[in-house]
């Protein structure tokens, strides 16, 4: 597995079995293909699709219909987001099984820590047919 944290300062100082101490504040926000959602990649394996990242949702952002190819887990650190199943507010943890499909929205904005084993598959909108990477 080729795990890494993009933009990790002094990444070359770590051996293959060393712990990575990631200063999250020092990581840059990276735009996602969805306008209004930026992310900080905490750990990623581009070969398998594994991704742990912070997602910052601007108020009013909508994430088009997508399918979770494997389990997805989300912990809301600030604000809230929602879908047809409910509202996920600060302090809530939500997980979705493989194959779950939904449109997610954040009317008020949110900061969410998410864990993916594989990228989402987008079914509608500009991202249809693409995977979030």
N, C-alpha and C. Protein backbone atom coordinates (compact mmCIF):
# COMPACT_ATOMS: atom_id res chain seq x y z
N UNK A 1 0.84 -1.17 0.00
CA UNK A 1 0.00 0.00 0.00
C UNK A 1 0.89 1.24 0.00
N UNK A 2 0.57 2.19 -0.85
CA UNK A 2 1.36 3.42 -0.95
C UNK A 2 0.64 4.54 -0.22
N UNK A 3 0.57 4.44 1.09
CA UNK A 3 -0.07 5.48 1.90
C UNK A 3 0.79 6.72 1.94
N UNK A 4 0.14 7.87 1.90
CA UNK A 4 0.88 9.11 2.07
C UNK A 4 -0.04 10.22 2.54
N UNK A 5 0.57 11.29 2.98
CA UNK A 5 -0.13 12.53 3.28
C UNK A 5 0.47 13.58 2.36
N UNK A 6 -0.26 13.97 1.31
CA UNK A 6 0.27 15.00 0.43
C UNK A 6 0.58 16.27 1.21
N UNK A 7 1.64 16.93 0.86
CA UNK A 7 2.07 18.20 1.48
C UNK A 7 2.58 18.03 2.90
N UNK A 8 2.90 16.81 3.33
CA UNK A 8 3.43 16.58 4.67
C UNK A 8 4.85 17.14 4.73
N UNK A 9 5.07 18.14 5.60
CA UNK A 9 6.43 18.69 5.70
C UNK A 9 7.42 17.62 6.12
N UNK A 10 8.61 17.65 5.57
CA UNK A 10 9.69 16.72 5.90
C UNK A 10 9.28 15.26 5.70
N UNK A 11 8.45 14.99 4.68
CA UNK A 11 7.97 13.63 4.44
C UNK A 11 9.11 12.64 4.24
N UNK A 12 10.23 13.11 3.71
CA UNK A 12 11.35 12.21 3.43
C UNK A 12 12.06 11.74 4.69
N UNK A 13 11.77 12.32 5.85
CA UNK A 13 12.43 11.92 7.09
C UNK A 13 11.81 10.66 7.70
N UNK A 14 10.64 10.27 7.21
CA UNK A 14 9.93 9.13 7.77
C UNK A 14 10.35 7.82 7.11
N UNK A 15 10.63 6.82 7.93
CA UNK A 15 10.86 5.47 7.42
C UNK A 15 9.53 4.78 7.18
N UNK A 16 9.53 3.62 6.51
CA UNK A 16 8.28 2.95 6.16
C UNK A 16 7.42 2.54 7.36
N UNK A 17 8.02 2.34 8.53
CA UNK A 17 7.26 1.90 9.70
C UNK A 17 7.10 2.99 10.76
N UNK A 18 7.50 4.23 10.45
CA UNK A 18 7.38 5.34 11.39
C UNK A 18 5.96 5.89 11.42
N UNK A 19 5.55 6.35 12.60
CA UNK A 19 4.28 7.09 12.72
C UNK A 19 4.43 8.43 12.02
N UNK A 20 3.35 8.88 11.43
CA UNK A 20 3.33 10.21 10.81
C UNK A 20 2.58 11.15 11.74
N UNK A 21 3.24 12.22 12.14
CA UNK A 21 2.62 13.23 13.00
C UNK A 21 2.22 14.39 12.10
N UNK A 22 0.94 14.47 11.78
CA UNK A 22 0.45 15.43 10.80
C UNK A 22 -0.10 16.66 11.51
N UNK A 23 0.48 17.81 11.23
CA UNK A 23 -0.04 19.08 11.73
C UNK A 23 -1.15 19.52 10.76
N UNK A 24 -2.37 19.24 11.13
CA UNK A 24 -3.50 19.48 10.23
C UNK A 24 -3.62 20.95 9.86
N UNK A 25 -3.35 21.84 10.81
CA UNK A 25 -3.42 23.28 10.52
C UNK A 25 -2.45 23.69 9.42
N UNK A 26 -1.33 22.98 9.30
CA UNK A 26 -0.32 23.33 8.30
C UNK A 26 -0.65 22.80 6.90
N UNK A 27 -1.58 21.85 6.80
CA UNK A 27 -1.94 21.30 5.50
C UNK A 27 -2.80 22.30 4.73
N UNK A 28 -2.61 22.40 3.43
CA UNK A 28 -3.41 23.34 2.63
C UNK A 28 -4.80 22.76 2.34
N UNK A 29 -5.77 23.64 2.18
CA UNK A 29 -7.07 23.23 1.69
C UNK A 29 -6.96 23.02 0.18
N UNK A 30 -7.53 21.94 -0.31
CA UNK A 30 -7.48 21.60 -1.74
C UNK A 30 -8.92 21.62 -2.26
N UNK A 31 -9.16 22.30 -3.39
CA UNK A 31 -10.52 22.29 -3.93
C UNK A 31 -10.90 20.88 -4.39
N UNK A 32 -12.17 20.53 -4.25
CA UNK A 32 -12.69 19.29 -4.80
C UNK A 32 -13.40 19.64 -6.10
N UNK A 33 -13.83 18.64 -6.88
CA UNK A 33 -14.58 18.96 -8.09
C UNK A 33 -15.93 19.63 -7.82
N UNK A 34 -16.42 19.59 -6.58
CA UNK A 34 -17.69 20.24 -6.23
C UNK A 34 -17.41 21.63 -5.69
N UNK A 35 -17.89 22.64 -6.39
CA UNK A 35 -17.73 24.02 -5.96
C UNK A 35 -18.34 24.18 -4.58
N UNK A 36 -17.58 24.75 -3.64
CA UNK A 36 -18.06 24.97 -2.29
C UNK A 36 -17.58 23.94 -1.29
N UNK A 37 -16.88 22.90 -1.77
CA UNK A 37 -16.31 21.90 -0.86
C UNK A 37 -14.80 21.83 -1.10
N UNK A 38 -14.05 22.09 -0.04
CA UNK A 38 -12.59 21.95 -0.06
C UNK A 38 -12.21 20.84 0.91
N UNK A 39 -10.98 20.30 0.73
CA UNK A 39 -10.57 19.22 1.63
C UNK A 39 -9.10 19.34 1.99
N UNK A 40 -8.77 18.76 3.14
CA UNK A 40 -7.40 18.56 3.59
C UNK A 40 -7.20 17.05 3.64
N UNK A 41 -6.29 16.54 2.85
CA UNK A 41 -6.05 15.10 2.81
C UNK A 41 -5.13 14.73 3.97
N UNK A 42 -5.62 13.86 4.86
CA UNK A 42 -4.85 13.43 6.03
C UNK A 42 -4.05 12.17 5.73
N UNK A 43 -4.65 11.24 5.02
CA UNK A 43 -3.94 10.04 4.55
C UNK A 43 -4.68 9.54 3.31
N UNK A 44 -3.88 9.04 2.36
CA UNK A 44 -4.46 8.63 1.08
C UNK A 44 -3.64 7.50 0.48
N UNK A 45 -4.33 6.58 -0.17
CA UNK A 45 -3.69 5.56 -1.00
C UNK A 45 -4.38 5.63 -2.35
N UNK A 46 -3.74 6.26 -3.33
CA UNK A 46 -4.35 6.45 -4.63
C UNK A 46 -4.60 5.14 -5.35
N UNK A 47 -3.82 4.09 -5.05
CA UNK A 47 -4.01 2.80 -5.70
C UNK A 47 -5.31 2.13 -5.26
N UNK A 48 -5.62 2.16 -3.98
CA UNK A 48 -6.81 1.48 -3.48
C UNK A 48 -8.02 2.40 -3.37
N UNK A 49 -7.79 3.70 -3.26
CA UNK A 49 -8.87 4.65 -3.07
C UNK A 49 -9.10 5.05 -1.63
N UNK A 50 -8.35 4.44 -0.69
CA UNK A 50 -8.49 4.79 0.72
C UNK A 50 -8.21 6.28 0.90
N UNK A 51 -9.07 6.94 1.66
CA UNK A 51 -8.91 8.37 1.89
C UNK A 51 -9.48 8.75 3.24
N UNK A 52 -8.70 9.47 4.03
CA UNK A 52 -9.18 10.12 5.24
C UNK A 52 -8.92 11.61 5.03
N UNK A 53 -9.97 12.41 5.17
CA UNK A 53 -9.82 13.84 4.86
C UNK A 53 -10.83 14.67 5.65
N UNK A 54 -10.45 15.92 5.84
CA UNK A 54 -11.38 16.93 6.36
C UNK A 54 -12.06 17.58 5.16
N UNK A 55 -13.36 17.73 5.23
CA UNK A 55 -14.11 18.40 4.18
C UNK A 55 -14.77 19.63 4.77
N UNK A 56 -14.53 20.77 4.11
CA UNK A 56 -15.11 22.04 4.53
C UNK A 56 -16.18 22.42 3.51
N UNK A 57 -17.41 22.43 3.97
CA UNK A 57 -18.57 22.76 3.13
C UNK A 57 -18.96 24.21 3.36
N UNK A 58 -19.03 24.97 2.29
CA UNK A 58 -19.54 26.34 2.38
C UNK A 58 -21.07 26.29 2.49
N UNK A 59 -21.69 27.27 3.16
CA UNK A 59 -23.15 27.28 3.25
C UNK A 59 -23.79 27.22 1.86
N UNK A 60 -24.82 26.38 1.75
CA UNK A 60 -25.56 26.26 0.50
C UNK A 60 -25.01 25.23 -0.47
N UNK A 61 -23.94 24.55 -0.13
CA UNK A 61 -23.33 23.58 -1.04
C UNK A 61 -24.18 22.32 -1.16
N UNK A 62 -24.25 21.79 -2.38
CA UNK A 62 -24.96 20.54 -2.66
C UNK A 62 -23.99 19.59 -3.35
N UNK A 63 -23.88 18.37 -2.84
CA UNK A 63 -23.07 17.32 -3.45
C UNK A 63 -24.02 16.43 -4.23
N UNK A 64 -23.86 16.38 -5.56
CA UNK A 64 -24.77 15.68 -6.46
C UNK A 64 -24.93 14.20 -6.07
N UNK A 65 -25.96 13.59 -6.62
CA UNK A 65 -26.25 12.18 -6.36
C UNK A 65 -25.00 11.34 -6.59
N UNK A 66 -24.66 10.56 -5.57
CA UNK A 66 -23.48 9.71 -5.66
C UNK A 66 -23.73 8.42 -4.90
N UNK A 67 -22.92 7.42 -5.23
CA UNK A 67 -22.99 6.11 -4.59
C UNK A 67 -21.72 5.85 -3.82
N UNK A 68 -21.86 5.32 -2.62
CA UNK A 68 -20.70 4.92 -1.83
C UNK A 68 -20.31 3.50 -2.25
N UNK A 69 -19.14 3.39 -2.87
CA UNK A 69 -18.68 2.12 -3.43
C UNK A 69 -18.30 1.15 -2.31
N UNK A 70 -17.85 1.67 -1.20
CA UNK A 70 -17.59 0.92 0.03
C UNK A 70 -18.14 1.75 1.18
N UNK A 71 -18.02 1.26 2.40
CA UNK A 71 -18.51 1.99 3.57
C UNK A 71 -17.89 3.39 3.61
N UNK A 72 -18.71 4.35 4.00
CA UNK A 72 -18.25 5.73 4.19
C UNK A 72 -18.60 6.12 5.62
N UNK A 73 -17.68 6.81 6.29
CA UNK A 73 -17.89 7.23 7.66
C UNK A 73 -17.62 8.72 7.77
N UNK A 74 -18.49 9.42 8.51
CA UNK A 74 -18.36 10.87 8.65
C UNK A 74 -18.60 11.29 10.10
N UNK A 75 -17.71 12.15 10.61
CA UNK A 75 -17.87 12.73 11.93
C UNK A 75 -17.93 14.24 11.76
N UNK A 76 -19.02 14.86 12.22
CA UNK A 76 -19.24 16.29 12.02
C UNK A 76 -18.55 17.06 13.14
N UNK A 77 -17.56 17.86 12.76
CA UNK A 77 -16.80 18.66 13.72
C UNK A 77 -17.41 20.03 13.96
N UNK A 78 -18.00 20.62 12.92
CA UNK A 78 -18.64 21.93 13.02
C UNK A 78 -19.82 21.96 12.05
N UNK A 79 -20.82 22.77 12.37
CA UNK A 79 -21.95 22.95 11.47
C UNK A 79 -22.79 21.71 11.33
N UNK A 80 -23.36 21.54 10.12
CA UNK A 80 -24.18 20.37 9.84
C UNK A 80 -24.34 20.17 8.36
N UNK A 81 -24.63 18.92 7.99
CA UNK A 81 -25.02 18.61 6.62
C UNK A 81 -26.22 17.68 6.70
N UNK A 82 -26.86 17.44 5.55
CA UNK A 82 -28.09 16.67 5.56
C UNK A 82 -28.27 15.92 4.25
N UNK A 83 -29.18 14.95 4.30
CA UNK A 83 -29.65 14.25 3.11
C UNK A 83 -31.09 13.84 3.39
N UNK A 84 -31.67 13.02 2.54
CA UNK A 84 -33.07 12.63 2.74
C UNK A 84 -33.25 11.74 3.96
N UNK A 85 -32.18 11.19 4.52
CA UNK A 85 -32.26 10.35 5.71
C UNK A 85 -32.22 11.15 7.01
N UNK A 86 -31.74 12.40 6.97
CA UNK A 86 -31.71 13.19 8.19
C UNK A 86 -30.69 14.31 8.15
N UNK A 87 -30.54 14.95 9.33
CA UNK A 87 -29.59 16.04 9.52
C UNK A 87 -28.48 15.52 10.44
N UNK A 88 -27.23 15.81 10.06
CA UNK A 88 -26.06 15.36 10.81
C UNK A 88 -25.37 16.59 11.37
N UNK A 89 -25.55 16.83 12.65
CA UNK A 89 -25.08 18.06 13.30
C UNK A 89 -23.75 17.82 14.01
N UNK A 90 -23.15 18.92 14.46
CA UNK A 90 -21.88 18.88 15.19
C UNK A 90 -21.94 17.80 16.28
N UNK A 91 -20.91 16.95 16.29
CA UNK A 91 -20.82 15.89 17.28
C UNK A 91 -21.44 14.58 16.84
N UNK A 92 -22.16 14.58 15.71
CA UNK A 92 -22.77 13.35 15.22
C UNK A 92 -21.82 12.58 14.31
N UNK A 93 -21.96 11.26 14.36
CA UNK A 93 -21.21 10.35 13.50
C UNK A 93 -22.23 9.61 12.64
N UNK A 94 -21.99 9.57 11.34
CA UNK A 94 -22.86 8.83 10.42
C UNK A 94 -22.01 7.91 9.57
N UNK A 95 -22.55 6.75 9.27
CA UNK A 95 -21.87 5.87 8.31
C UNK A 95 -22.91 5.32 7.35
N UNK A 96 -22.42 5.05 6.17
CA UNK A 96 -23.29 4.56 5.11
C UNK A 96 -22.71 3.28 4.54
N UNK A 97 -23.57 2.30 4.30
CA UNK A 97 -23.08 1.02 3.77
C UNK A 97 -22.72 1.11 2.29
N UNK A 98 -21.95 0.15 1.86
CA UNK A 98 -21.62 -0.02 0.45
C UNK A 98 -22.91 -0.01 -0.37
N UNK A 99 -22.92 0.79 -1.44
CA UNK A 99 -24.08 0.86 -2.32
C UNK A 99 -25.07 1.95 -1.99
N UNK A 100 -24.92 2.61 -0.83
CA UNK A 100 -25.84 3.69 -0.45
C UNK A 100 -25.73 4.84 -1.44
N UNK A 101 -26.87 5.38 -1.85
CA UNK A 101 -26.91 6.52 -2.78
C UNK A 101 -27.66 7.67 -2.13
N UNK A 102 -27.12 8.87 -2.32
CA UNK A 102 -27.82 10.04 -1.78
C UNK A 102 -27.25 11.32 -2.37
N UNK A 103 -28.02 12.40 -2.17
CA UNK A 103 -27.58 13.77 -2.44
C UNK A 103 -27.35 14.39 -1.06
N UNK A 104 -26.20 14.99 -0.85
CA UNK A 104 -25.89 15.62 0.44
C UNK A 104 -25.90 17.14 0.26
N UNK A 105 -26.36 17.83 1.31
CA UNK A 105 -26.46 19.29 1.27
C UNK A 105 -25.97 19.85 2.59
N UNK A 106 -25.48 21.08 2.54
CA UNK A 106 -25.12 21.77 3.78
C UNK A 106 -25.62 23.21 3.71
N UNK A 107 -26.88 23.43 4.08
CA UNK A 107 -27.43 24.79 4.02
C UNK A 107 -26.66 25.80 4.86
N UNK A 108 -26.09 25.37 5.99
CA UNK A 108 -25.42 26.30 6.91
C UNK A 108 -23.89 26.19 6.89
N UNK A 109 -23.34 25.21 6.18
CA UNK A 109 -21.91 24.98 6.17
C UNK A 109 -21.53 23.92 7.20
N UNK A 110 -20.36 23.29 6.98
CA UNK A 110 -19.94 22.21 7.88
C UNK A 110 -18.45 21.94 7.72
N UNK A 111 -17.88 21.33 8.76
CA UNK A 111 -16.53 20.77 8.72
C UNK A 111 -16.68 19.31 9.14
N UNK A 112 -16.32 18.39 8.24
CA UNK A 112 -16.60 16.98 8.46
C UNK A 112 -15.33 16.15 8.22
N UNK A 113 -15.04 15.25 9.15
CA UNK A 113 -13.94 14.29 9.01
C UNK A 113 -14.53 13.03 8.39
N UNK A 114 -14.00 12.64 7.21
CA UNK A 114 -14.56 11.50 6.48
C UNK A 114 -13.51 10.44 6.22
N UNK A 115 -13.98 9.20 6.19
CA UNK A 115 -13.14 8.02 5.95
C UNK A 115 -13.77 7.22 4.80
N UNK A 116 -12.99 7.00 3.75
CA UNK A 116 -13.45 6.23 2.59
C UNK A 116 -12.47 5.08 2.33
N UNK A 117 -13.01 3.93 1.93
CA UNK A 117 -12.17 2.82 1.48
C UNK A 117 -11.99 2.87 -0.03
N UNK A 118 -12.98 3.44 -0.72
CA UNK A 118 -12.94 3.64 -2.17
C UNK A 118 -13.64 4.97 -2.46
N UNK A 119 -13.30 5.61 -3.58
CA UNK A 119 -13.94 6.89 -3.93
C UNK A 119 -15.43 6.72 -4.23
N UNK A 120 -16.19 7.79 -4.00
CA UNK A 120 -17.60 7.82 -4.39
C UNK A 120 -17.71 7.71 -5.91
N UNK A 121 -18.83 7.17 -6.37
CA UNK A 121 -19.16 7.17 -7.80
C UNK A 121 -20.31 8.15 -8.00
N UNK A 122 -20.11 9.17 -8.83
CA UNK A 122 -21.13 10.18 -9.04
C UNK A 122 -22.08 9.75 -10.15
N UNK A 123 -23.38 9.95 -9.91
CA UNK A 123 -24.42 9.46 -10.81
C UNK A 123 -25.15 10.57 -11.55
N UNK A 124 -25.07 11.79 -11.04
CA UNK A 124 -25.74 12.93 -11.67
C UNK A 124 -24.86 14.16 -11.61
N UNK A 125 -25.25 15.18 -12.37
CA UNK A 125 -24.55 16.46 -12.35
C UNK A 125 -23.26 16.42 -13.16
N UNK A 126 -22.46 17.45 -12.98
CA UNK A 126 -21.21 17.59 -13.73
C UNK A 126 -20.23 16.46 -13.46
N UNK A 127 -20.35 15.80 -12.31
CA UNK A 127 -19.40 14.75 -11.92
C UNK A 127 -19.87 13.36 -12.33
N UNK A 128 -21.01 13.25 -13.00
CA UNK A 128 -21.55 11.93 -13.36
C UNK A 128 -20.51 11.12 -14.10
N UNK A 129 -20.35 9.88 -13.65
CA UNK A 129 -19.40 8.98 -14.25
C UNK A 129 -17.99 9.10 -13.69
N UNK A 130 -17.76 10.05 -12.79
CA UNK A 130 -16.44 10.26 -12.20
C UNK A 130 -16.41 9.76 -10.76
N UNK A 131 -15.19 9.54 -10.29
CA UNK A 131 -14.99 9.19 -8.88
C UNK A 131 -14.26 10.34 -8.21
N UNK A 132 -14.63 10.64 -6.96
CA UNK A 132 -13.94 11.67 -6.17
C UNK A 132 -12.60 11.13 -5.75
N UNK A 133 -11.54 11.83 -6.06
CA UNK A 133 -10.19 11.41 -5.67
C UNK A 133 -9.50 12.55 -4.98
